Amino acid sequence: NGQLGKILAGASGRQLGRLADGPRQPDFAAYTDLCGGL
C-alpha cells in the first residue's frame, strides 16, 4: 500500500501506529528477481 509499517484498525481505517518512518517503500518484486527468484 506504499506506506511502510502503517498499522490500521480494521474497517474503520483509523491509523494505530507506524512501525518505521524512513525511505520510500522498496520494490519487493525487483528484489526477488535479484535474489534469483521470480
Full PDB file with SEQRES, HELIX, SHEET, SSBOND, CRYST1, ORIGX, SCALE, CONECT and MASTER records, all heavy atoms in Angstrom:
SEQRES   1 A   38  ASN GLY GLN LEU GLY LYS ILE LEU ALA GLY ALA SER GLY          
SEQRES   2 A   38  ARG GLN LEU GLY ARG LEU ALA ASP GLY PRO ARG GLN PRO          
SEQRES   3 A   38  ASP PHE ALA ALA TYR THR ASP LEU CYS GLY GLY LEU              
HELIX    1 AA1 GLY A   10  SER A   12  5                                   3    
HELIX    2 AA2 PHE A   28  LEU A   34  1                                   7    
SHEET    1 AA1 2 LYS A   6  ALA A   9  0                                        
SHEET    2 AA1 2 ARG A  14  ARG A  18 -1                                        
CRYST1    1.000    1.000    1.000  90.00  90.00  90.00 P 1           1          
ORIGX1      1.000000  0.000000  0.000000        0.00000                         
ORIGX2      0.000000  1.000000  0.000000        0.00000                         
ORIGX3      0.000000  0.000000  1.000000        0.00000                         
SCALE1      1.000000  0.000000  0.000000        0.00000                         
SCALE2      0.000000  1.000000  0.000000        0.00000                         
SCALE3      0.000000  0.000000  1.000000        0.00000                         
ATOM      1  N   ASN A   1       0.821  -1.212   0.000  1.00  0.00           N  
ATOM      2  CA  ASN A   1       0.000   0.000   0.000  1.00  0.00           C  
ATOM      3  C   ASN A   1       0.858   1.268   0.000  1.00  0.00           C  
ATOM      4  O   ASN A   1       0.348   2.365   0.150  1.00  0.00           O  
ATOM      5  CB  ASN A   1      -0.978   0.015   1.173  1.00  0.00           C  
ATOM      6  CG  ASN A   1      -0.287   0.103   2.522  1.00  0.00           C  
ATOM      7  OD1 ASN A   1       0.929   0.247   2.605  1.00  0.00           O  
ATOM      8  ND2 ASN A   1      -1.068   0.018   3.585  1.00  0.00           N  
ATOM      9  N   GLY A   2       2.165   1.093  -0.158  1.00  0.00           N  
ATOM     10  CA  GLY A   2       3.063   2.233  -0.257  1.00  0.00           C  
ATOM     11  C   GLY A   2       3.311   2.967   1.045  1.00  0.00           C  
ATOM     12  O   GLY A   2       3.912   4.029   1.066  1.00  0.00           O  
ATOM     13  N   GLN A   3       2.870   2.391   2.143  1.00  0.00           N  
ATOM     14  CA  GLN A   3       3.040   3.049   3.434  1.00  0.00           C  
ATOM     15  C   GLN A   3       3.714   2.083   4.392  1.00  0.00           C  
ATOM     16  O   GLN A   3       3.068   1.374   5.141  1.00  0.00           O  
ATOM     17  CB  GLN A   3       1.694   3.522   3.962  1.00  0.00           C  
ATOM     18  CG  GLN A   3       1.068   4.516   3.017  1.00  0.00           C  
ATOM     19  CD  GLN A   3      -0.163   5.157   3.592  1.00  0.00           C  
ATOM     20  OE1 GLN A   3      -0.454   5.048   4.772  1.00  0.00           O  
ATOM     21  NE2 GLN A   3      -0.897   5.839   2.751  1.00  0.00           N  
ATOM     22  N   LEU A   4       5.031   2.040   4.319  1.00  0.00           N  
ATOM     23  CA  LEU A   4       5.840   1.102   5.071  1.00  0.00           C  
ATOM     24  C   LEU A   4       5.517   1.144   6.565  1.00  0.00           C  
ATOM     25  O   LEU A   4       5.616   2.174   7.213  1.00  0.00           O  
ATOM     26  CB  LEU A   4       7.322   1.426   4.860  1.00  0.00           C  
ATOM     27  CG  LEU A   4       8.335   0.477   5.459  1.00  0.00           C  
ATOM     28  CD1 LEU A   4       8.185  -0.893   4.834  1.00  0.00           C  
ATOM     29  CD2 LEU A   4       9.739   0.997   5.246  1.00  0.00           C  
ATOM     30  N   GLY A   5       5.070   0.004   7.079  1.00  0.00           N  
ATOM     31  CA  GLY A   5       4.841  -0.131   8.507  1.00  0.00           C  
ATOM     32  C   GLY A   5       3.571   0.494   9.039  1.00  0.00           C  
ATOM     33  O   GLY A   5       3.377   0.546  10.236  1.00  0.00           O  
ATOM     34  N   LYS A   6       2.670   0.944   8.178  1.00  0.00           N  
ATOM     35  CA  LYS A   6       1.441   1.570   8.666  1.00  0.00           C  
ATOM     36  C   LYS A   6       0.507   0.490   9.208  1.00  0.00           C  
ATOM     37  O   LYS A   6       0.280  -0.526   8.566  1.00  0.00           O  
ATOM     38  CB  LYS A   6       0.752   2.327   7.540  1.00  0.00           C  
ATOM     39  CG  LYS A   6      -0.463   3.082   7.992  1.00  0.00           C  
ATOM     40  CD  LYS A   6      -0.995   3.940   6.865  1.00  0.00           C  
ATOM     41  CE  LYS A   6      -2.191   4.744   7.311  1.00  0.00           C  
ATOM     42  NZ  LYS A   6      -2.724   5.542   6.215  1.00  0.00           N  
ATOM     43  N   ILE A   7      -0.022   0.710  10.395  1.00  0.00           N  
ATOM     44  CA  ILE A   7      -0.915  -0.245  11.033  1.00  0.00           C  
ATOM     45  C   ILE A   7      -2.289   0.408  11.158  1.00  0.00           C  
ATOM     46  O   ILE A   7      -2.435   1.440  11.806  1.00  0.00           O  
ATOM     47  CB  ILE A   7      -0.406  -0.639  12.430  1.00  0.00           C  
ATOM     48  CG1 ILE A   7       1.009  -1.194  12.333  1.00  0.00           C  
ATOM     49  CG2 ILE A   7      -1.349  -1.639  13.073  1.00  0.00           C  
ATOM     50  CD1 ILE A   7       1.680  -1.349  13.669  1.00  0.00           C  
ATOM     51  N   LEU A   8      -3.304  -0.215  10.517  1.00  0.00           N  
ATOM     52  CA  LEU A   8      -4.660   0.327  10.548  1.00  0.00           C  
ATOM     53  C   LEU A   8      -5.554  -0.541  11.415  1.00  0.00           C  
ATOM     54  O   LEU A   8      -5.325  -1.729  11.574  1.00  0.00           O  
ATOM     55  CB  LEU A   8      -5.245   0.392   9.133  1.00  0.00           C  
ATOM     56  CG  LEU A   8      -4.544   1.320   8.153  1.00  0.00           C  
ATOM     57  CD1 LEU A   8      -5.210   1.215   6.784  1.00  0.00           C  
ATOM     58  CD2 LEU A   8      -4.569   2.744   8.644  1.00  0.00           C  
ATOM     59  N   ALA A   9      -6.615   0.063  11.924  1.00  0.00           N  
ATOM     60  CA  ALA A   9      -7.588  -0.640  12.747  1.00  0.00           C  
ATOM     61  C   ALA A   9      -8.751  -1.095  11.880  1.00  0.00           C  
ATOM     62  O   ALA A   9      -9.724  -0.378  11.684  1.00  0.00           O  
ATOM     63  CB  ALA A   9      -8.087   0.261  13.874  1.00  0.00           C  
ATOM     64  N   GLY A  10      -8.651  -2.286  11.311  1.00  0.00           N  
ATOM     65  CA  GLY A  10      -9.738  -2.924  10.576  1.00  0.00           C  
ATOM     66  C   GLY A  10     -10.470  -2.021   9.602  1.00  0.00           C  
ATOM     67  O   GLY A  10      -9.880  -1.193   8.927  1.00  0.00           O  
ATOM     68  N   ALA A  11     -11.786  -2.183   9.535  1.00  0.00           N  
ATOM     69  CA  ALA A  11     -12.616  -1.467   8.560  1.00  0.00           C  
ATOM     70  C   ALA A  11     -12.693   0.035   8.842  1.00  0.00           C  
ATOM     71  O   ALA A  11     -12.976   0.817   7.942  1.00  0.00           O  
ATOM     72  CB  ALA A  11     -14.016  -2.061   8.539  1.00  0.00           C  
ATOM     73  N   SER A  12     -12.426   0.444  10.072  1.00  0.00           N  
ATOM     74  CA  SER A  12     -12.509   1.869  10.402  1.00  0.00           C  
ATOM     75  C   SER A  12     -11.418   2.662   9.705  1.00  0.00           C  
ATOM     76  O   SER A  12     -11.559   3.848   9.449  1.00  0.00           O  
ATOM     77  CB  SER A  12     -12.413   2.090  11.914  1.00  0.00           C  
ATOM     78  OG  SER A  12     -11.090   1.854  12.367  1.00  0.00           O  
ATOM     79  N   GLY A  13     -10.295   2.000   9.403  1.00  0.00           N  
ATOM     80  CA  GLY A  13      -9.192   2.674   8.736  1.00  0.00           C  
ATOM     81  C   GLY A  13      -8.429   3.636   9.632  1.00  0.00           C  
ATOM     82  O   GLY A  13      -7.588   4.391   9.175  1.00  0.00           O  
ATOM     83  N   ARG A  14      -8.722   3.648  10.926  1.00  0.00           N  
ATOM     84  CA  ARG A  14      -8.020   4.521  11.850  1.00  0.00           C  
ATOM     85  C   ARG A  14      -6.580   4.057  12.012  1.00  0.00           C  
ATOM     86  O   ARG A  14      -6.320   2.879  12.245  1.00  0.00           O  
ATOM     87  CB  ARG A  14      -8.722   4.505  13.209  1.00  0.00           C  
ATOM     88  CG  ARG A  14      -8.263   5.621  14.115  1.00  0.00           C  
ATOM     89  CD  ARG A  14      -9.061   5.646  15.415  1.00  0.00           C  
ATOM     90  NE  ARG A  14      -8.138   5.257  16.461  1.00  0.00           N  
ATOM     91  CZ  ARG A  14      -8.239   4.178  17.211  1.00  0.00           C  
ATOM     92  NH1 ARG A  14      -9.238   3.367  17.080  1.00  0.00           N  
ATOM     93  NH2 ARG A  14      -7.344   3.898  18.122  1.00  0.00           N  
ATOM     94  N   GLN A  15      -5.647   4.959  11.871  1.00  0.00           N  
ATOM     95  CA  GLN A  15      -4.241   4.586  11.986  1.00  0.00           C  
ATOM     96  C   GLN A  15      -3.874   4.408  13.446  1.00  0.00           C  
ATOM     97  O   GLN A  15      -4.062   5.294  14.268  1.00  0.00           O  
ATOM     98  CB  GLN A  15      -3.340   5.639  11.357  1.00  0.00           C  
ATOM     99  CG  GLN A  15      -1.885   5.227  11.352  1.00  0.00           C  
ATOM    100  CD  GLN A  15      -0.997   6.131  10.519  1.00  0.00           C  
ATOM    101  OE1 GLN A  15      -1.475   6.842   9.664  1.00  0.00           O  
ATOM    102  NE2 GLN A  15       0.280   6.113  10.797  1.00  0.00           N  
ATOM    103  N   LEU A  16      -3.342   3.220  13.768  1.00  0.00           N  
ATOM    104  CA  LEU A  16      -2.952   2.920  15.139  1.00  0.00           C  
ATOM    105  C   LEU A  16      -1.488   3.229  15.396  1.00  0.00           C  
ATOM    106  O   LEU A  16      -1.111   3.508  16.517  1.00  0.00           O  
ATOM    107  CB  LEU A  16      -3.193   1.432  15.438  1.00  0.00           C  
ATOM    108  CG  LEU A  16      -4.636   0.957  15.376  1.00  0.00           C  
ATOM    109  CD1 LEU A  16      -4.693  -0.531  15.658  1.00  0.00           C  
ATOM    110  CD2 LEU A  16      -5.493   1.716  16.374  1.00  0.00           C  
ATOM    111  N   GLY A  17      -0.692   3.138  14.376  1.00  0.00           N  
ATOM    112  CA  GLY A  17       0.728   3.376  14.579  1.00  0.00           C  
ATOM    113  C   GLY A  17       1.495   3.187  13.300  1.00  0.00           C  
ATOM    114  O   GLY A  17       0.939   2.965  12.245  1.00  0.00           O  
ATOM    115  N   ARG A  18       2.793   3.289  13.422  1.00  0.00           N  
ATOM    116  CA  ARG A  18       3.691   3.118  12.284  1.00  0.00           C  
ATOM    117  C   ARG A  18       4.930   2.416  12.795  1.00  0.00           C  
ATOM    118  O   ARG A  18       5.496   2.800  13.806  1.00  0.00           O  
ATOM    119  CB  ARG A  18       4.025   4.499  11.705  1.00  0.00           C  
ATOM    120  CG  ARG A  18       4.787   4.454  10.422  1.00  0.00           C  
ATOM    121  CD  ARG A  18       4.963   5.870   9.893  1.00  0.00           C  
ATOM    122  NE  ARG A  18       3.867   6.340   9.123  1.00  0.00           N  
ATOM    123  CZ  ARG A  18       3.619   5.965   7.863  1.00  0.00           C  
ATOM    124  NH1 ARG A  18       4.374   5.086   7.281  1.00  0.00           N  
ATOM    125  NH2 ARG A  18       2.627   6.468   7.202  1.00  0.00           N  
ATOM    126  N   LEU A  19       5.330   1.351  12.088  1.00  0.00           N  
ATOM    127  CA  LEU A  19       6.493   0.588  12.526  1.00  0.00           C  
ATOM    128  C   LEU A  19       7.794   1.317  12.250  1.00  0.00           C  
ATOM    129  O   LEU A  19       8.742   1.211  12.999  1.00  0.00           O  
ATOM    130  CB  LEU A  19       6.520  -0.773  11.829  1.00  0.00           C  
ATOM    131  CG  LEU A  19       5.366  -1.707  12.168  1.00  0.00           C  
ATOM    132  CD1 LEU A  19       5.479  -2.986  11.363  1.00  0.00           C  
ATOM    133  CD2 LEU A  19       5.345  -2.024  13.644  1.00  0.00           C  
ATOM    134  N   ALA A  20       7.832   2.050  11.136  1.00  0.00           N  
ATOM    135  CA  ALA A  20       9.087   2.720  10.781  1.00  0.00           C  
ATOM    136  C   ALA A  20       8.806   3.898   9.864  1.00  0.00           C  
ATOM    137  O   ALA A  20       7.943   3.827   9.007  1.00  0.00           O  
ATOM    138  CB  ALA A  20      10.027   1.745  10.096  1.00  0.00           C  
ATOM    139  N   ASP A  21       9.490   4.960  10.079  1.00  0.00           N  
ATOM    140  CA  ASP A  21       9.463   6.087   9.153  1.00  0.00           C  
ATOM    141  C   ASP A  21      10.813   6.100   8.468  1.00  0.00           C  
ATOM    142  O   ASP A  21      11.827   5.794   9.075  1.00  0.00           O  
ATOM    143  CB  ASP A  21       9.252   7.418   9.893  1.00  0.00           C  
ATOM    144  CG  ASP A  21       7.836   7.563  10.396  1.00  0.00           C  
ATOM    145  OD1 ASP A  21       6.923   7.203   9.642  1.00  0.00           O  
ATOM    146  OD2 ASP A  21       7.648   8.014  11.529  1.00  0.00           O  
ATOM    147  N   GLY A  22      10.823   6.428   7.215  1.00  0.00           N  
ATOM    148  CA  GLY A  22      12.107   6.424   6.534  1.00  0.00           C  
ATOM    149  C   GLY A  22      11.949   6.440   5.039  1.00  0.00           C  
ATOM    150  O   GLY A  22      11.026   7.042   4.515  1.00  0.00           O  
ATOM    151  N   PRO A  23      12.854   5.733   4.358  1.00  0.00           N  
ATOM    152  CA  PRO A  23      12.871   5.784   2.902  1.00  0.00           C  
ATOM    153  C   PRO A  23      11.616   5.199   2.279  1.00  0.00           C  
ATOM    154  O   PRO A  23      10.852   4.502   2.930  1.00  0.00           O  
ATOM    155  CB  PRO A  23      14.099   4.958   2.535  1.00  0.00           C  
ATOM    156  CG  PRO A  23      14.377   4.106   3.707  1.00  0.00           C  
ATOM    157  CD  PRO A  23      13.854   4.848   4.895  1.00  0.00           C  
ATOM    158  N   ARG A  24      11.467   5.491   1.022  1.00  0.00           N  
ATOM    159  CA  ARG A  24      10.325   5.020   0.256  1.00  0.00           C  
ATOM    160  C   ARG A  24      10.266   3.490   0.256  1.00  0.00           C  
ATOM    161  O   ARG A  24      11.252   2.811   0.418  1.00  0.00           O  
ATOM    162  CB  ARG A  24      10.477   5.529  -1.183  1.00  0.00           C  
ATOM    163  CG  ARG A  24       9.221   5.367  -1.967  1.00  0.00           C  
ATOM    164  CD  ARG A  24       9.230   6.269  -3.160  1.00  0.00           C  
ATOM    165  NE  ARG A  24       8.090   6.224  -4.015  1.00  0.00           N  
ATOM    166  CZ  ARG A  24       7.257   5.252  -4.227  1.00  0.00           C  
ATOM    167  NH1 ARG A  24       7.377   4.154  -3.593  1.00  0.00           N  
ATOM    168  NH2 ARG A  24       6.260   5.336  -5.064  1.00  0.00           N  
ATOM    169  N   GLN A  25       9.071   2.973   0.067  1.00  0.00           N  
ATOM    170  CA  GLN A  25       8.824   1.537   0.045  1.00  0.00           C  
ATOM    171  C   GLN A  25       9.706   0.841  -0.995  1.00  0.00           C  
ATOM    172  O   GLN A  25       9.806   1.294  -2.119  1.00  0.00           O  
ATOM    173  CB  GLN A  25       7.349   1.323  -0.303  1.00  0.00           C  
ATOM    174  CG  GLN A  25       6.852  -0.064  -0.120  1.00  0.00           C  
ATOM    175  CD  GLN A  25       6.470  -0.363   1.301  1.00  0.00           C  
ATOM    176  OE1 GLN A  25       6.779   0.392   2.215  1.00  0.00           O  
ATOM    177  NE2 GLN A  25       5.815  -1.462   1.514  1.00  0.00           N  
ATOM    178  N   PRO A  26      10.345  -0.258  -0.647  1.00  0.00           N  
ATOM    179  CA  PRO A  26      11.188  -0.965  -1.612  1.00  0.00           C  
ATOM    180  C   PRO A  26      10.355  -1.674  -2.677  1.00  0.00           C  
ATOM    181  O   PRO A  26       9.170  -1.938  -2.480  1.00  0.00           O  
ATOM    182  CB  PRO A  26      11.924  -1.991  -0.747  1.00  0.00           C  
ATOM    183  CG  PRO A  26      11.058  -2.182   0.442  1.00  0.00           C  
ATOM    184  CD  PRO A  26      10.353  -0.875   0.670  1.00  0.00           C  
ATOM    185  N   ASP A  27      10.985  -1.996  -3.797  1.00  0.00           N  
ATOM    186  CA  ASP A  27      10.346  -2.762  -4.867  1.00  0.00           C  
ATOM    187  C   ASP A  27      10.616  -4.237  -4.559  1.00  0.00           C  
ATOM    188  O   ASP A  27      11.662  -4.778  -4.893  1.00  0.00           O  
ATOM    189  CB  ASP A  27      10.947  -2.342  -6.214  1.00  0.00           C  
ATOM    190  CG  ASP A  27      10.283  -3.010  -7.392  1.00  0.00           C  
ATOM    191  OD1 ASP A  27       9.728  -4.127  -7.225  1.00  0.00           O  
ATOM    192  OD2 ASP A  27      10.321  -2.432  -8.486  1.00  0.00           O  
ATOM    193  N   PHE A  28       9.657  -4.885  -3.910  1.00  0.00           N  
ATOM    194  CA  PHE A  28       9.847  -6.263  -3.467  1.00  0.00           C  
ATOM    195  C   PHE A  28      10.006  -7.226  -4.638  1.00  0.00           C  
ATOM    196  O   PHE A  28      10.764  -8.183  -4.555  1.00  0.00           O  
ATOM    197  CB  PHE A  28       8.680  -6.697  -2.576  1.00  0.00           C  
ATOM    198  CG  PHE A  28       8.610  -5.949  -1.278  1.00  0.00           C  
ATOM    199  CD1 PHE A  28       7.658  -4.957  -1.085  1.00  0.00           C  
ATOM    200  CD2 PHE A  28       9.496  -6.229  -0.251  1.00  0.00           C  
ATOM    201  CE1 PHE A  28       7.589  -4.271   0.113  1.00  0.00           C  
ATOM    202  CE2 PHE A  28       9.432  -5.541   0.958  1.00  0.00           C  
ATOM    203  CZ  PHE A  28       8.470  -4.554   1.135  1.00  0.00           C  
ATOM    204  N   ALA A  29       9.277  -7.000  -5.738  1.00  0.00           N  
ATOM    205  CA  ALA A  29       9.382  -7.868  -6.907  1.00  0.00           C  
ATOM    206  C   ALA A  29      10.778  -7.787  -7.523  1.00  0.00           C  
ATOM    207  O   ALA A  29      11.374  -8.815  -7.873  1.00  0.00           O  
ATOM    208  CB  ALA A  29       8.316  -7.498  -7.935  1.00  0.00           C  
ATOM    209  N   ALA A  30      11.313  -6.589  -7.650  1.00  0.00           N  
ATOM    210  CA  ALA A  30      12.660  -6.428  -8.210  1.00  0.00           C  
ATOM    211  C   ALA A  30      13.704  -7.087  -7.307  1.00  0.00           C  
ATOM    212  O   ALA A  30      14.648  -7.718  -7.794  1.00  0.00           O  
ATOM    213  CB  ALA A  30      12.990  -4.951  -8.407  1.00  0.00           C  
ATOM    214  N   TYR A  31      13.540  -6.964  -6.013  1.00  0.00           N  
ATOM    215  CA  TYR A  31      14.481  -7.581  -5.076  1.00  0.00           C  
ATOM    216  C   TYR A  31      14.442  -9.107  -5.204  1.00  0.00           C  
ATOM    217  O   TYR A  31      15.481  -9.768  -5.152  1.00  0.00           O  
ATOM    218  CB  TYR A  31      14.174  -7.151  -3.644  1.00  0.00           C  
ATOM    219  CG  TYR A  31      15.154  -7.693  -2.644  1.00  0.00           C  
ATOM    220  CD1 TYR A  31      16.460  -7.216  -2.588  1.00  0.00           C  
ATOM    221  CD2 TYR A  31      14.799  -8.715  -1.779  1.00  0.00           C  
ATOM    222  CE1 TYR A  31      17.383  -7.726  -1.680  1.00  0.00           C  
ATOM    223  CE2 TYR A  31      15.707  -9.229  -0.872  1.00  0.00           C  
ATOM    224  CZ  TYR A  31      16.991  -8.734  -0.827  1.00  0.00           C  
ATOM    225  OH  TYR A  31      17.900  -9.254   0.058  1.00  0.00           O  
ATOM    226  N   THR A  32      13.244  -9.662  -5.373  1.00  0.00           N  
ATOM    227  CA  THR A  32      13.109 -11.107  -5.542  1.00  0.00           C  
ATOM    228  C   THR A  32      13.858 -11.568  -6.793  1.00  0.00           C  
ATOM    229  O   THR A  32      14.545 -12.586  -6.774  1.00  0.00           O  
ATOM    230  CB  THR A  32      11.624 -11.500  -5.626  1.00  0.00           C  
ATOM    231  OG1 THR A  32      10.978 -11.090  -4.416  1.00  0.00           O  
ATOM    232  CG2 THR A  32      11.453 -12.998  -5.791  1.00  0.00           C  
ATOM    233  N   ASP A  33      13.740 -10.796  -7.879  1.00  0.00           N  
ATOM    234  CA  ASP A  33      14.485 -11.111  -9.104  1.00  0.00           C  
ATOM    235  C   ASP A  33      15.993 -11.110  -8.842  1.00  0.00           C  
ATOM    236  O   ASP A  33      16.713 -11.998  -9.294  1.00  0.00           O  
ATOM    237  CB  ASP A  33      14.167 -10.107 -10.218  1.00  0.00           C  
ATOM    238  CG  ASP A  33      12.792 -10.317 -10.828  1.00  0.00           C  
ATOM    239  OD1 ASP A  33      12.261 -11.447 -10.749  1.00  0.00           O  
ATOM    240  OD2 ASP A  33      12.251  -9.356 -11.383  1.00  0.00           O  
ATOM    241  N   LEU A  34      16.463 -10.111  -8.103  1.00  0.00           N  
ATOM    242  CA  LEU A  34      17.894 -10.014  -7.793  1.00  0.00           C  
ATOM    243  C   LEU A  34      18.393 -11.198  -6.968  1.00  0.00           C  
ATOM    244  O   LEU A  34      19.560 -11.574  -7.050  1.00  0.00           O  
ATOM    245  CB  LEU A  34      18.197  -8.713  -7.053  1.00  0.00           C  
ATOM    246  CG  LEU A  34      18.078  -7.433  -7.869  1.00  0.00           C  
ATOM    247  CD1 LEU A  34      18.194  -6.213  -6.963  1.00  0.00           C  
ATOM    248  CD2 LEU A  34      19.139  -7.391  -8.949  1.00  0.00           C  
ATOM    249  N   CYS A  35      17.508 -11.784  -6.184  1.00  0.00           N  
ATOM    250  CA  CYS A  35      17.872 -12.923  -5.341  1.00  0.00           C  
ATOM    251  C   CYS A  35      17.744 -14.253  -6.075  1.00  0.00           C  
ATOM    252  O   CYS A  35      17.971 -15.306  -5.483  1.00  0.00           O  
ATOM    253  CB  CYS A  35      16.996 -12.938  -4.091  1.00  0.00           C  
ATOM    254  SG  CYS A  35      17.310 -11.561  -2.981  1.00  0.00           S  
ATOM    255  N   GLY A  36      17.377 -14.217  -7.358  1.00  0.00           N  
ATOM    256  CA  GLY A  36      17.292 -15.442  -8.144  1.00  0.00           C  
ATOM    257  C   GLY A  36      15.913 -16.046  -8.245  1.00  0.00           C  
ATOM    258  O   GLY A  36      15.741 -17.121  -8.820  1.00  0.00           O  
ATOM    259  N   GLY A  37      14.917 -15.385  -7.693  1.00  0.00           N  
ATOM    260  CA  GLY A  37      13.545 -15.881  -7.784  1.00  0.00           C  
ATOM    261  C   GLY A  37      12.788 -15.187  -8.897  1.00  0.00           C  
ATOM    262  O   GLY A  37      13.372 -14.487  -9.728  1.00  0.00           O  
ATOM    263  N   LEU A  38      11.491 -15.381  -8.916  1.00  0.00           N  
ATOM    264  CA  LEU A  38      10.615 -14.716  -9.876  1.00  0.00           C  
ATOM    265  C   LEU A  38       9.806 -13.664  -9.129  1.00  0.00           C  
ATOM    266  O   LEU A  38       9.035 -13.993  -8.225  1.00  0.00           O  
ATOM    267  CB  LEU A  38       9.670 -15.721 -10.538  1.00  0.00           C  
ATOM    268  CG  LEU A  38       8.573 -15.119 -11.420  1.00  0.00           C  
ATOM    269  CD1 LEU A  38       9.188 -14.435 -12.641  1.00  0.00           C  
ATOM    270  CD2 LEU A  38       7.577 -16.180 -11.839  1.00  0.00           C  
TER     271      LEU A  38                                                      
MASTER        0    0    0    2    2    0    0    6  270    1    0    3          
END                                                                             
